[in-house]
Amino acid sequence: MMVIGMQRHLRLTKRDDFNKVYRFGKSVANQQFVIYCFGQEKIEQFRMGVSVSKKIGNAVVRNRLRRLIKEVVRLHQTQVVSHIDFIVIARKPVLQLVDYDQFEKSLLHLMRKAKLFEKNTI
């Protein structure tokens, strides 16, 4: 069985890219997540970065949260606007979300608030 993850070209990986989004981007937040967004005309699709602090838990917990965030975005990637870089930061209260549906609902709510979805979707 092959697991299809987040495509490589849709990932923010370089420190400079992260710093640019943090410095010049706009942020929106709810209790569980913070999203920083920054428009990039030179890229075709969106690129996403994920940040989970060591304060949240050990490596197992952090990696699980990272995978969940990427999965939610992957499932809705066709509706995400083009030409934008964004970073999703998990906050400590994310650990209180007991099931995937709550997790997804919270993240999608914040992505809508950040205007990351095309008009007429979700």
PDB file of N, CA and C in Angstrom:
ATOM      1  N   MET A   1       0.846  -1.186   0.000  1.00  0.00           N
ATOM      2  CA  MET A   1       0.000   0.000   0.000  1.00  0.00           C
ATOM      3  C   MET A   1       0.886   1.243   0.000  1.00  0.00           C
ATOM      4  N   MET A   2       0.619   2.144  -0.932  1.00  0.00           N
ATOM      5  CA  MET A   2       1.418   3.360  -1.025  1.00  0.00           C
ATOM      6  C   MET A   2       0.630   4.547  -0.477  1.00  0.00           C
ATOM      7  N   VAL A   3       1.256   5.283   0.431  1.00  0.00           N
ATOM      8  CA  VAL A   3       0.610   6.451   1.004  1.00  0.00           C
ATOM      9  C   VAL A   3       1.012   7.669   0.184  1.00  0.00           C
ATOM     10  N   ILE A   4       0.027   8.419  -0.250  1.00  0.00           N
ATOM     11  CA  ILE A   4       0.305   9.621  -1.031  1.00  0.00           C
ATOM     12  C   ILE A   4       0.320  10.802  -0.075  1.00  0.00           C
ATOM     13  N   GLY A   5       1.483  11.400   0.123  1.00  0.00           N
ATOM     14  CA  GLY A   5       1.611  12.523   1.044  1.00  0.00           C
ATOM     15  C   GLY A   5       1.559  13.847   0.306  1.00  0.00           C
ATOM     16  N   MET A   6       1.918  14.868   1.027  1.00  0.00           N
ATOM     17  CA  MET A   6       1.973  16.208   0.458  1.00  0.00           C
ATOM     18  C   MET A   6       3.050  16.232  -0.629  1.00  0.00           C
ATOM     19  N   GLN A   7       2.723  16.722  -1.798  1.00  0.00           N
ATOM     20  CA  GLN A   7       3.697  16.751  -2.888  1.00  0.00           C
ATOM     21  C   GLN A   7       4.850  17.685  -2.548  1.00  0.00           C
ATOM     22  N   ARG A   8       6.047  17.287  -2.948  1.00  0.00           N
ATOM     23  CA  ARG A   8       7.253  18.026  -2.587  1.00  0.00           C
ATOM     24  C   ARG A   8       7.229  19.492  -3.020  1.00  0.00           C
ATOM     25  N   HIS A   9       6.730  19.752  -4.222  1.00  0.00           N
ATOM     26  CA  HIS A   9       6.751  21.136  -4.717  1.00  0.00           C
ATOM     27  C   HIS A   9       5.733  22.030  -3.999  1.00  0.00           C
ATOM     28  N   LEU A  10       4.888  21.450  -3.156  1.00  0.00           N
ATOM     29  CA  LEU A  10       3.925  22.240  -2.386  1.00  0.00           C
ATOM     30  C   LEU A  10       4.416  22.523  -0.966  1.00  0.00           C
ATOM     31  N   ARG A  11       5.681  22.204  -0.685  1.00  0.00           N
ATOM     32  CA  ARG A  11       6.212  22.406   0.658  1.00  0.00           C
ATOM     33  C   ARG A  11       7.124  23.622   0.727  1.00  0.00           C
ATOM     34  N   LEU A  12       7.021  24.332   1.822  1.00  0.00           N
ATOM     35  CA  LEU A  12       7.989  25.390   2.132  1.00  0.00           C
ATOM     36  C   LEU A  12       9.109  24.709   2.897  1.00  0.00           C
ATOM     37  N   THR A  13      10.336  24.806   2.443  1.00  0.00           N
ATOM     38  CA  THR A  13      11.417  24.105   3.122  1.00  0.00           C
ATOM     39  C   THR A  13      12.563  25.014   3.566  1.00  0.00           C
ATOM     40  N   LYS A  14      12.839  26.063   2.816  1.00  0.00           N
ATOM     41  CA  LYS A  14      14.000  26.899   3.106  1.00  0.00           C
ATOM     42  C   LYS A  14      13.724  27.904   4.224  1.00  0.00           C
ATOM     43  N   ARG A  15      14.715  28.091   5.059  1.00  0.00           N
ATOM     44  CA  ARG A  15      14.607  29.032   6.169  1.00  0.00           C
ATOM     45  C   ARG A  15      14.254  30.439   5.677  1.00  0.00           C
ATOM     46  N   ASP A  16      14.860  30.851   4.552  1.00  0.00           N
ATOM     47  CA  ASP A  16      14.580  32.180   3.994  1.00  0.00           C
ATOM     48  C   ASP A  16      13.107  32.332   3.624  1.00  0.00           C
ATOM     49  N   ASP A  17      12.522  31.258   3.063  1.00  0.00           N
ATOM     50  CA  ASP A  17      11.099  31.307   2.708  1.00  0.00           C
ATOM     51  C   ASP A  17      10.237  31.459   3.957  1.00  0.00           C
ATOM     52  N   PHE A  18      10.559  30.696   5.002  1.00  0.00           N
ATOM     53  CA  PHE A  18       9.818  30.803   6.259  1.00  0.00           C
ATOM     54  C   PHE A  18       9.934  32.220   6.815  1.00  0.00           C
ATOM     55  N   ASN A  19      11.159  32.742   6.846  1.00  0.00           N
ATOM     56  CA  ASN A  19      11.376  34.086   7.403  1.00  0.00           C
ATOM     57  C   ASN A  19      10.615  35.149   6.630  1.00  0.00           C
ATOM     58  N   LYS A  20      10.552  35.018   5.309  1.00  0.00           N
ATOM     59  CA  LYS A  20       9.829  35.984   4.485  1.00  0.00           C
ATOM     60  C   LYS A  20       8.338  35.968   4.827  1.00  0.00           C
ATOM     61  N   VAL A  21       7.783  34.772   4.988  1.00  0.00           N
ATOM     62  CA  VAL A  21       6.360  34.656   5.322  1.00  0.00           C
ATOM     63  C   VAL A  21       6.100  35.239   6.709  1.00  0.00           C
ATOM     64  N   TYR A  22       6.972  34.924   7.679  1.00  0.00           N
ATOM     65  CA  TYR A  22       6.810  35.470   9.035  1.00  0.00           C
ATOM     66  C   TYR A  22       6.923  36.990   9.046  1.00  0.00           C
ATOM     67  N   ARG A  23       7.900  37.525   8.324  1.00  0.00           N
ATOM     68  CA  ARG A  23       8.173  38.962   8.369  1.00  0.00           C
ATOM     69  C   ARG A  23       7.133  39.795   7.625  1.00  0.00           C
ATOM     70  N   PHE A  24       6.759  39.355   6.416  1.00  0.00           N
ATOM     71  CA  PHE A  24       5.897  40.178   5.573  1.00  0.00           C
ATOM     72  C   PHE A  24       4.448  39.694   5.498  1.00  0.00           C
ATOM     73  N   GLY A  25       4.190  38.508   6.001  1.00  0.00           N
ATOM     74  CA  GLY A  25       2.853  37.930   5.868  1.00  0.00           C
ATOM     75  C   GLY A  25       1.874  38.429   6.907  1.00  0.00           C
ATOM     76  N   LYS A  26       0.622  38.145   6.647  1.00  0.00           N
ATOM     77  CA  LYS A  26      -0.453  38.458   7.592  1.00  0.00           C
ATOM     78  C   LYS A  26      -0.734  37.201   8.406  1.00  0.00           C
ATOM     79  N   SER A  27      -1.173  37.378   9.647  1.00  0.00           N
ATOM     80  CA  SER A  27      -1.475  36.208  10.468  1.00  0.00           C
ATOM     81  C   SER A  27      -2.920  36.220  10.927  1.00  0.00           C
ATOM     82  N   VAL A  28      -3.473  35.030  11.052  1.00  0.00           N
ATOM     83  CA  VAL A  28      -4.791  34.830  11.666  1.00  0.00           C
ATOM     84  C   VAL A  28      -4.635  33.674  12.640  1.00  0.00           C
ATOM     85  N   ALA A  29      -5.465  33.672  13.668  1.00  0.00           N
ATOM     86  CA  ALA A  29      -5.308  32.645  14.696  1.00  0.00           C
ATOM     87  C   ALA A  29      -6.645  32.256  15.294  1.00  0.00           C
ATOM     88  N   ASN A  30      -6.708  31.029  15.750  1.00  0.00           N
ATOM     89  CA  ASN A  30      -7.772  30.607  16.648  1.00  0.00           C
ATOM     90  C   ASN A  30      -7.077  29.954  17.838  1.00  0.00           C
ATOM     91  N   GLN A  31      -7.807  29.239  18.664  1.00  0.00           N
ATOM     92  CA  GLN A  31      -7.186  28.687  19.866  1.00  0.00           C
ATOM     93  C   GLN A  31      -6.132  27.623  19.549  1.00  0.00           C
ATOM     94  N   GLN A  32      -6.351  26.848  18.502  1.00  0.00           N
ATOM     95  CA  GLN A  32      -5.484  25.709  18.232  1.00  0.00           C
ATOM     96  C   GLN A  32      -4.360  25.984  17.235  1.00  0.00           C
ATOM     97  N   PHE A  33      -4.546  26.940  16.325  1.00  0.00           N
ATOM     98  CA  PHE A  33      -3.581  27.162  15.250  1.00  0.00           C
ATOM     99  C   PHE A  33      -3.346  28.648  14.997  1.00  0.00           C
ATOM    100  N   VAL A  34      -2.200  28.938  14.349  1.00  0.00           N
ATOM    101  CA  VAL A  34      -1.916  30.261  13.794  1.00  0.00           C
ATOM    102  C   VAL A  34      -1.529  30.017  12.340  1.00  0.00           C
ATOM    103  N   ILE A  35      -2.009  30.849  11.435  1.00  0.00           N
ATOM    104  CA  ILE A  35      -1.605  30.748  10.040  1.00  0.00           C
ATOM    105  C   ILE A  35      -1.028  32.082   9.591  1.00  0.00           C
ATOM    106  N   TYR A  36       0.180  32.029   9.031  1.00  0.00           N
ATOM    107  CA  TYR A  36       0.799  33.188   8.396  1.00  0.00           C
ATOM    108  C   TYR A  36       0.686  32.996   6.889  1.00  0.00           C
ATOM    109  N   CYS A  37       0.251  34.036   6.161  1.00  0.00           N
ATOM    110  CA  CYS A  37       0.085  33.960   4.701  1.00  0.00           C
ATOM    111  C   CYS A  37       0.855  35.088   4.037  1.00  0.00           C
ATOM    112  N   PHE A  38       1.444  34.770   2.887  1.00  0.00           N
ATOM    113  CA  PHE A  38       2.158  35.784   2.125  1.00  0.00           C
ATOM    114  C   PHE A  38       2.027  35.468   0.643  1.00  0.00           C
ATOM    115  N   GLY A  39       1.509  36.410  -0.140  1.00  0.00           N
ATOM    116  CA  GLY A  39       1.322  36.205  -1.573  1.00  0.00           C
ATOM    117  C   GLY A  39       2.645  36.120  -2.312  1.00  0.00           C
ATOM    118  N   GLN A  40       2.746  35.186  -3.250  1.00  0.00           N
ATOM    119  CA  GLN A  40       3.954  35.003  -4.051  1.00  0.00           C
ATOM    120  C   GLN A  40       3.530  34.834  -5.504  1.00  0.00           C
ATOM    121  N   GLU A  41       3.712  35.851  -6.308  1.00  0.00           N
ATOM    122  CA  GLU A  41       3.296  35.781  -7.710  1.00  0.00           C
ATOM    123  C   GLU A  41       4.136  34.805  -8.530  1.00  0.00           C
ATOM    124  N   LYS A  42       5.383  34.601  -8.129  1.00  0.00           N
ATOM    125  CA  LYS A  42       6.280  33.786  -8.948  1.00  0.00           C
ATOM    126  C   LYS A  42       6.019  32.281  -8.851  1.00  0.00           C
ATOM    127  N   ILE A  43       5.219  31.840  -7.885  1.00  0.00           N
ATOM    128  CA  ILE A  43       4.947  30.402  -7.764  1.00  0.00           C
ATOM    129  C   ILE A  43       3.599  30.073  -8.381  1.00  0.00           C
ATOM    130  N   GLU A  44       3.495  28.882  -8.955  1.00  0.00           N
ATOM    131  CA  GLU A  44       2.267  28.467  -9.631  1.00  0.00           C
ATOM    132  C   GLU A  44       1.140  28.150  -8.656  1.00  0.00           C
ATOM    133  N   GLN A  45       1.417  27.246  -7.721  1.00  0.00           N
ATOM    134  CA  GLN A  45       0.392  26.837  -6.762  1.00  0.00           C
ATOM    135  C   GLN A  45       0.702  27.455  -5.411  1.00  0.00           C
ATOM    136  N   PHE A  46       0.149  26.904  -4.375  1.00  0.00           N
ATOM    137  CA  PHE A  46       0.482  27.351  -3.032  1.00  0.00           C
ATOM    138  C   PHE A  46       1.660  26.524  -2.523  1.00  0.00           C
ATOM    139  N   ARG A  47       2.344  27.035  -1.500  1.00  0.00           N
ATOM    140  CA  ARG A  47       3.339  26.247  -0.774  1.00  0.00           C
ATOM    141  C   ARG A  47       3.015  26.366   0.703  1.00  0.00           C
ATOM    142  N   MET A  48       3.172  25.262   1.434  1.00  0.00           N
ATOM    143  CA  MET A  48       2.807  25.253   2.844  1.00  0.00           C
ATOM    144  C   MET A  48       3.977  24.790   3.697  1.00  0.00           C
ATOM    145  N   GLY A  49       4.132  25.423   4.841  1.00  0.00           N
ATOM    146  CA  GLY A  49       5.084  24.978   5.851  1.00  0.00           C
ATOM    147  C   GLY A  49       4.319  24.680   7.125  1.00  0.00           C
ATOM    148  N   VAL A  50       4.869  23.816   7.959  1.00  0.00           N
ATOM    149  CA  VAL A  50       4.230  23.464   9.221  1.00  0.00           C
ATOM    150  C   VAL A  50       5.246  23.636  10.334  1.00  0.00           C
ATOM    151  N   SER A  51       4.803  24.217  11.444  1.00  0.00           N
ATOM    152  CA  SER A  51       5.678  24.401  12.590  1.00  0.00           C
ATOM    153  C   SER A  51       4.971  23.900  13.845  1.00  0.00           C
ATOM    154  N   VAL A  52       5.642  22.990  14.552  1.00  0.00           N
ATOM    155  CA  VAL A  52       5.103  22.459  15.807  1.00  0.00           C
ATOM    156  C   VAL A  52       6.221  22.553  16.840  1.00  0.00           C
ATOM    157  N   SER A  53       6.012  23.342  17.871  1.00  0.00           N
ATOM    158  CA  SER A  53       7.032  23.620  18.880  1.00  0.00           C
ATOM    159  C   SER A  53       7.297  22.418  19.787  1.00  0.00           C
ATOM    160  N   LYS A  54       8.486  22.370  20.338  1.00  0.00           N
ATOM    161  CA  LYS A  54       8.828  21.309  21.291  1.00  0.00           C
ATOM    162  C   LYS A  54       7.999  21.421  22.575  1.00  0.00           C
ATOM    163  N   LYS A  55       7.433  22.592  22.824  1.00  0.00           N
ATOM    164  CA  LYS A  55       6.595  22.783  24.010  1.00  0.00           C
ATOM    165  C   LYS A  55       5.336  21.927  23.945  1.00  0.00           C
ATOM    166  N   ILE A  56       4.951  21.528  22.737  1.00  0.00           N
ATOM    167  CA  ILE A  56       3.705  20.787  22.554  1.00  0.00           C
ATOM    168  C   ILE A  56       3.845  19.325  22.955  1.00  0.00           C
ATOM    169  N   GLY A  57       5.019  18.755  22.746  1.00  0.00           N
ATOM    170  CA  GLY A  57       5.196  17.354  23.124  1.00  0.00           C
ATOM    171  C   GLY A  57       6.467  16.787  22.540  1.00  0.00           C
ATOM    172  N   ASN A  58       6.617  15.477  22.710  1.00  0.00           N
ATOM    173  CA  ASN A  58       7.823  14.825  22.193  1.00  0.00           C
ATOM    174  C   ASN A  58       7.726  14.659  20.679  1.00  0.00           C
ATOM    175  N   ALA A  59       8.749  14.069  20.082  1.00  0.00           N
ATOM    176  CA  ALA A  59       8.824  13.964  18.621  1.00  0.00           C
ATOM    177  C   ALA A  59       7.640  13.195  18.038  1.00  0.00           C
ATOM    178  N   VAL A  60       7.190  12.176  18.741  1.00  0.00           N
ATOM    179  CA  VAL A  60       6.065  11.375  18.246  1.00  0.00           C
ATOM    180  C   VAL A  60       4.808  12.241  18.123  1.00  0.00           C
ATOM    181  N   VAL A  61       4.536  13.025  19.148  1.00  0.00           N
ATOM    182  CA  VAL A  61       3.355  13.903  19.160  1.00  0.00           C
ATOM    183  C   VAL A  61       3.480  14.970  18.087  1.00  0.00           C
ATOM    184  N   ARG A  62       4.650  15.601  17.998  1.00  0.00           N
ATOM    185  CA  ARG A  62       4.861  16.670  17.021  1.00  0.00           C
ATOM    186  C   ARG A  62       4.732  16.154  15.593  1.00  0.00           C
ATOM    187  N   ASN A  63       5.329  15.010  15.310  1.00  0.00           N
ATOM    188  CA  ASN A  63       5.246  14.457  13.956  1.00  0.00           C
ATOM    189  C   ASN A  63       3.832  14.045  13.604  1.00  0.00           C
ATOM    190  N   ARG A  64       3.073  13.515  14.564  1.00  0.00           N
ATOM    191  CA  ARG A  64       1.682  13.148  14.308  1.00  0.00           C
ATOM    192  C   ARG A  64       0.867  14.386  13.958  1.00  0.00           C
ATOM    193  N   LEU A  65       1.067  15.471  14.712  1.00  0.00           N
ATOM    194  CA  LEU A  65       0.354  16.725  14.415  1.00  0.00           C
ATOM    195  C   LEU A  65       0.738  17.245  13.031  1.00  0.00           C
ATOM    196  N   ARG A  66       2.014  17.173  12.708  1.00  0.00           N
ATOM    197  CA  ARG A  66       2.476  17.629  11.403  1.00  0.00           C
ATOM    198  C   ARG A  66       1.804  16.831  10.283  1.00  0.00           C
ATOM    199  N   ARG A  67       1.737  15.516  10.460  1.00  0.00           N
ATOM    200  CA  ARG A  67       1.092  14.668   9.449  1.00  0.00           C
ATOM    201  C   ARG A  67      -0.394  14.972   9.329  1.00  0.00           C
ATOM    202  N   LEU A  68      -1.075  15.205  10.460  1.00  0.00           N
ATOM    203  CA  LEU A  68      -2.506  15.520  10.421  1.00  0.00           C
ATOM    204  C   LEU A  68      -2.764  16.835   9.686  1.00  0.00           C
ATOM    205  N   ILE A  69      -1.954  17.846   9.971  1.00  0.00           N
ATOM    206  CA  ILE A  69      -2.112  19.149   9.310  1.00  0.00           C
ATOM    207  C   ILE A  69      -1.924  18.994   7.807  1.00  0.00           C
ATOM    208  N   LYS A  70      -0.862  18.286   7.416  1.00  0.00           N
ATOM    209  CA  LYS A  70      -0.599  18.080   5.986  1.00  0.00           C
ATOM    210  C   LYS A  70      -1.727  17.306   5.320  1.00  0.00           C
ATOM    211  N   GLU A  71      -2.309  16.345   6.027  1.00  0.00           N
ATOM    212  CA  GLU A  71      -3.388  15.543   5.457  1.00  0.00           C
ATOM    213  C   GLU A  71      -4.639  16.393   5.223  1.00  0.00           C
ATOM    214  N   VAL A  72      -4.987  17.239   6.172  1.00  0.00           N
ATOM    215  CA  VAL A  72      -6.153  18.114   6.005  1.00  0.00           C
ATOM    216  C   VAL A  72      -5.954  19.007   4.783  1.00  0.00           C
ATOM    217  N   VAL A  73      -4.775  19.602   4.650  1.00  0.00           N
ATOM    218  CA  VAL A  73      -4.506  20.480   3.510  1.00  0.00           C
ATOM    219  C   VAL A  73      -4.500  19.677   2.211  1.00  0.00           C
ATOM    220  N   ARG A  74      -3.920  18.476   2.235  1.00  0.00           N
ATOM    221  CA  ARG A  74      -3.877  17.646   1.022  1.00  0.00           C
ATOM    222  C   ARG A  74      -5.285  17.319   0.535  1.00  0.00           C
ATOM    223  N   LEU A  75      -6.183  16.997   1.455  1.00  0.00           N
ATOM    224  CA  LEU A  75      -7.548  16.644   1.071  1.00  0.00           C
ATOM    225  C   LEU A  75      -8.318  17.820   0.471  1.00  0.00           C
ATOM    226  N   HIS A  76      -7.887  19.034   0.791  1.00  0.00           N
ATOM    227  CA  HIS A  76      -8.585  20.233   0.314  1.00  0.00           C
ATOM    228  C   HIS A  76      -7.715  21.076  -0.607  1.00  0.00           C
ATOM    229  N   GLN A  77      -6.630  20.501  -1.117  1.00  0.00           N
ATOM    230  CA  GLN A  77      -5.670  21.293  -1.901  1.00  0.00           C
ATOM    231  C   GLN A  77      -6.240  21.838  -3.202  1.00  0.00           C
ATOM    232  N   THR A  78      -7.270  21.197  -3.748  1.00  0.00           N
ATOM    233  CA  THR A  78      -7.846  21.703  -4.993  1.00  0.00           C
ATOM    234  C   THR A  78      -8.582  23.022  -4.781  1.00  0.00           C
ATOM    235  N   GLN A  79      -9.005  23.298  -3.558  1.00  0.00           N
ATOM    236  CA  GLN A  79      -9.727  24.539  -3.280  1.00  0.00           C
ATOM    237  C   GLN A  79      -8.818  25.678  -2.796  1.00  0.00           C
ATOM    238  N   VAL A  80      -7.555  25.363  -2.472  1.00  0.00           N
ATOM    239  CA  VAL A  80      -6.647  26.390  -1.939  1.00  0.00           C
ATOM    240  C   VAL A  80      -6.207  27.321  -3.068  1.00  0.00           C
ATOM    241  N   VAL A  81      -6.171  28.616  -2.781  1.00  0.00           N
ATOM    242  CA  VAL A  81      -5.803  29.613  -3.785  1.00  0.00           C
ATOM    243  C   VAL A  81      -4.358  29.424  -4.241  1.00  0.00           C
ATOM    244  N   SER A  82      -4.056  29.897  -5.446  1.00  0.00           N
ATOM    245  CA  SER A  82      -2.695  29.809  -6.001  1.00  0.00           C
ATOM    246  C   SER A  82      -1.882  31.020  -5.567  1.00  0.00           C
ATOM    247  N   HIS A  83      -0.604  30.975  -5.866  1.00  0.00           N
ATOM    248  CA  HIS A  83       0.307  32.110  -5.664  1.00  0.00           C
ATOM    249  C   HIS A  83       0.364  32.566  -4.211  1.00  0.00           C
ATOM    250  N   ILE A  84       0.436  31.617  -3.274  1.00  0.00           N
ATOM    251  CA  ILE A  84       0.518  32.007  -1.867  1.00  0.00           C
ATOM    252  C   ILE A  84       1.388  31.018  -1.102  1.00  0.00           C
ATOM    253  N   ASP A  85       2.178  31.550  -0.187  1.00  0.00           N
ATOM    254  CA  ASP A  85       2.909  30.724   0.772  1.00  0.00           C
ATOM    255  C   ASP A  85       2.204  30.878   2.108  1.00  0.00           C
ATOM    256  N   PHE A  86       2.043  29.780   2.834  1.00  0.00           N
ATOM    257  CA  PHE A  86       1.487  29.905   4.174  1.00  0.00           C
ATOM    258  C   PHE A  86       2.116  28.904   5.126  1.00  0.00           C
ATOM    259  N   ILE A  87       2.131  29.273   6.399  1.00  0.00           N
ATOM    260  CA  ILE A  87       2.700  28.434   7.450  1.00  0.00           C
ATOM    261  C   ILE A  87       1.613  28.185   8.482  1.00  0.00           C
ATOM    262  N   VAL A  88       1.440  26.929   8.846  1.00  0.00           N
ATOM    263  CA  VAL A  88       0.491  26.556   9.890  1.00  0.00           C
ATOM    264  C   VAL A  88       1.299  26.248  11.144  1.00  0.00           C
ATOM    265  N   ILE A  89       0.968  26.919  12.236  1.00  0.00           N
ATOM    266  CA  ILE A  89       1.645  26.708  13.511  1.00  0.00           C
ATOM    267  C   ILE A  89       0.641  26.106  14.480  1.00  0.00           C
ATOM    268  N   ALA A  90       1.007  24.984  15.078  1.00  0.00           N
ATOM    269  CA  ALA A  90       0.126  24.336  16.053  1.00  0.00           C
ATOM    270  C   ALA A  90       0.379  24.945  17.426  1.00  0.00           C
ATOM    271  N   ARG A  91      -0.707  25.180  18.160  1.00  0.00           N
ATOM    272  CA  ARG A  91      -0.615  25.685  19.525  1.00  0.00           C
ATOM    273  C   ARG A  91      -0.944  24.570  20.510  1.00  0.00           C
ATOM    274  N   LYS A  92      -0.579  24.773  21.757  1.00  0.00           N
ATOM    275  CA  LYS A  92      -0.773  23.752  22.805  1.00  0.00           C
ATOM    276  C   LYS A  92      -2.213  23.224  22.896  1.00  0.00           C
ATOM    277  N   PRO A  93      -3.254  24.074  22.822  1.00  0.00           N
ATOM    278  CA  PRO A  93      -4.630  23.554  22.945  1.00  0.00           C
ATOM    279  C   PRO A  93      -5.034  22.560  21.852  1.00  0.00           C
ATOM    280  N   VAL A  94      -4.226  22.422  20.794  1.00  0.00           N
ATOM    281  CA  VAL A  94      -4.547  21.455  19.736  1.00  0.00           C
ATOM    282  C   VAL A  94      -4.588  20.036  20.313  1.00  0.00           C
ATOM    283  N   LEU A  95      -3.881  19.809  21.392  1.00  0.00           N
ATOM    284  CA  LEU A  95      -3.854  18.479  22.017  1.00  0.00           C
ATOM    285  C   LEU A  95      -5.202  18.104  22.626  1.00  0.00           C
ATOM    286  N   GLN A  96      -6.066  19.088  22.872  1.00  0.00           N
ATOM    287  CA  GLN A  96      -7.376  18.805  23.455  1.00  0.00           C
ATOM    288  C   GLN A  96      -8.409  18.384  22.419  1.00  0.00           C
ATOM    289  N   LEU A  97      -8.071  18.512  21.129  1.00  0.00           N
ATOM    290  CA  LEU A  97      -8.983  18.038  20.090  1.00  0.00           C
ATOM    291  C   LEU A  97      -8.880  16.514  20.054  1.00  0.00           C
ATOM    292  N   VAL A  98      -9.980  15.855  20.404  1.00  0.00           N
ATOM    293  CA  VAL A  98      -9.901  14.406  20.609  1.00  0.00           C
ATOM    294  C   VAL A  98     -10.004  13.596  19.326  1.00  0.00           C
ATOM    295  N   ASP A  99     -10.671  14.102  18.305  1.00  0.00           N
ATOM    296  CA  ASP A  99     -10.780  13.298  17.089  1.00  0.00           C
ATOM    297  C   ASP A  99     -10.442  14.122  15.844  1.00  0.00           C
ATOM    298  N   TYR A 100     -10.274  13.406  14.754  1.00  0.00           N
ATOM    299  CA  TYR A 100      -9.861  14.029  13.499  1.00  0.00           C
ATOM    300  C   TYR A 100     -10.869  15.064  13.013  1.00  0.00           C
ATOM    301  N   ASP A 101     -12.167  14.792  13.192  1.00  0.00           N
ATOM    302  CA  ASP A 101     -13.193  15.722  12.710  1.00  0.00           C
ATOM    303  C   ASP A 101     -13.072  17.094  13.367  1.00  0.00           C
ATOM    304  N   GLN A 102     -12.837  17.108  14.681  1.00  0.00           N
ATOM    305  CA  GLN A 102     -12.655  18.385  15.391  1.00  0.00           C
ATOM    306  C   GLN A 102     -11.399  19.101  14.886  1.00  0.00           C
ATOM    307  N   PHE A 103     -10.339  18.323  14.712  1.00  0.00           N
ATOM    308  CA  PHE A 103      -9.065  18.854  14.232  1.00  0.00           C
ATOM    309  C   PHE A 103      -9.247  19.515  12.862  1.00  0.00           C
ATOM    310  N   GLU A 104      -9.892  18.774  11.952  1.00  0.00           N
ATOM    311  CA  GLU A 104     -10.127  19.268  10.605  1.00  0.00           C
ATOM    312  C   GLU A 104     -11.014  20.505  10.611  1.00  0.00           C
ATOM    313  N   LYS A 105     -12.062  20.465  11.402  1.00  0.00           N
ATOM    314  CA  LYS A 105     -12.996  21.599  11.478  1.00  0.00           C
ATOM    315  C   LYS A 105     -12.280  22.865  11.942  1.00  0.00           C
ATOM    316  N   SER A 106     -11.444  22.738  12.954  1.00  0.00           N
ATOM    317  CA  SER A 106     -10.717  23.885  13.489  1.00  0.00           C
ATOM    318  C   SER A 106      -9.744  24.460  12.460  1.00  0.00           C
ATOM    319  N   LEU A 107      -9.001  23.570  11.779  1.00  0.00           N
ATOM    320  CA  LEU A 107      -8.029  24.043  10.797  1.00  0.00           C
ATOM    321  C   LEU A 107      -8.708  24.656   9.569  1.00  0.00           C
ATOM    322  N   LEU A 108      -9.774  24.027   9.091  1.00  0.00           N
ATOM    323  CA  LEU A 108     -10.491  24.566   7.925  1.00  0.00           C
ATOM    324  C   LEU A 108     -11.134  25.916   8.248  1.00  0.00           C
ATOM    325  N   HIS A 109     -11.648  26.047   9.466  1.00  0.00           N
ATOM    326  CA  HIS A 109     -12.229  27.325   9.892  1.00  0.00           C
ATOM    327  C   HIS A 109     -11.183  28.435   9.792  1.00  0.00           C
ATOM    328  N   LEU A 110      -9.982  28.146  10.275  1.00  0.00           N
ATOM    329  CA  LEU A 110      -8.927  29.159  10.253  1.00  0.00           C
ATOM    330  C   LEU A 110      -8.448  29.439   8.830  1.00  0.00           C
ATOM    331  N   MET A 111      -8.400  28.393   7.996  1.00  0.00           N
ATOM    332  CA  MET A 111      -7.996  28.605   6.600  1.00  0.00           C
ATOM    333  C   MET A 111      -9.019  29.469   5.868  1.00  0.00           C
ATOM    334  N   ARG A 112     -10.310  29.282   6.188  1.00  0.00           N
ATOM    335  CA  ARG A 112     -11.347  30.140   5.602  1.00  0.00           C
ATOM    336  C   ARG A 112     -11.166  31.576   6.068  1.00  0.00           C
ATOM    337  N   LYS A 113     -10.901  31.732   7.353  1.00  0.00           N
ATOM    338  CA  LYS A 113     -10.694  33.055   7.943  1.00  0.00           C
ATOM    339  C   LYS A 113      -9.498  33.765   7.299  1.00  0.00           C
ATOM    340  N   ALA A 114      -8.483  32.974   6.923  1.00  0.00           N
ATOM    341  CA  ALA A 114      -7.283  33.528   6.285  1.00  0.00           C
ATOM    342  C   ALA A 114      -7.470  33.725   4.783  1.00  0.00           C
ATOM    343  N   LYS A 115      -8.670  33.400   4.295  1.00  0.00           N
ATOM    344  CA  LYS A 115      -9.003  33.523   2.862  1.00  0.00           C
ATOM    345  C   LYS A 115      -8.061  32.686   1.988  1.00  0.00           C
ATOM    346  N   LEU A 116      -7.796  31.471   2.428  1.00  0.00           N
ATOM    347  CA  LEU A 116      -6.928  30.574   1.664  1.00  0.00           C
ATOM    348  C   LEU A 116      -7.692  29.729   0.656  1.00  0.00           C
ATOM    349  N   PHE A 117      -9.028  29.805   0.673  1.00  0.00           N
ATOM    350  CA  PHE A 117      -9.807  29.021  -0.256  1.00  0.00           C
ATOM    351  C   PHE A 117     -10.332  29.884  -1.390  1.00  0.00           C
ATOM    352  N   GLU A 118     -10.452  29.263  -2.582  1.00  0.00           N
ATOM    353  CA  GLU A 118     -11.044  29.936  -3.725  1.00  0.00           C
ATOM    354  C   GLU A 118     -12.488  30.307  -3.376  1.00  0.00           C
ATOM    355  N   LYS A 119     -13.012  31.307  -4.035  1.00  0.00           N
ATOM    356  CA  LYS A 119     -14.419  31.670  -3.840  1.00  0.00           C
ATOM    357  C   LYS A 119     -15.292  30.505  -4.287  1.00  0.00           C
ATOM    358  N   ASN A 120     -16.464  30.382  -3.697  1.00  0.00           N
ATOM    359  CA  ASN A 120     -17.460  29.359  -4.051  1.00  0.00           C
ATOM    360  C   ASN A 120     -17.039  27.940  -3.692  1.00  0.00           C
ATOM    361  N   THR A 121     -16.061  27.767  -2.834  1.00  0.00           N
ATOM    362  CA  THR A 121     -15.708  26.421  -2.368  1.00  0.00           C
ATOM    363  C   THR A 121     -15.748  26.391  -0.854  1.00  0.00           C
ATOM    364  N   ILE A 122     -16.003  25.235  -0.337  1.00  0.00           N
ATOM    365  CA  ILE A 122     -16.070  24.971   1.104  1.00  0.00           C
ATOM    366  C   ILE A 122     -16.877  26.019   1.848  1.00  0.00           C
TER     367      ILE A 122
END
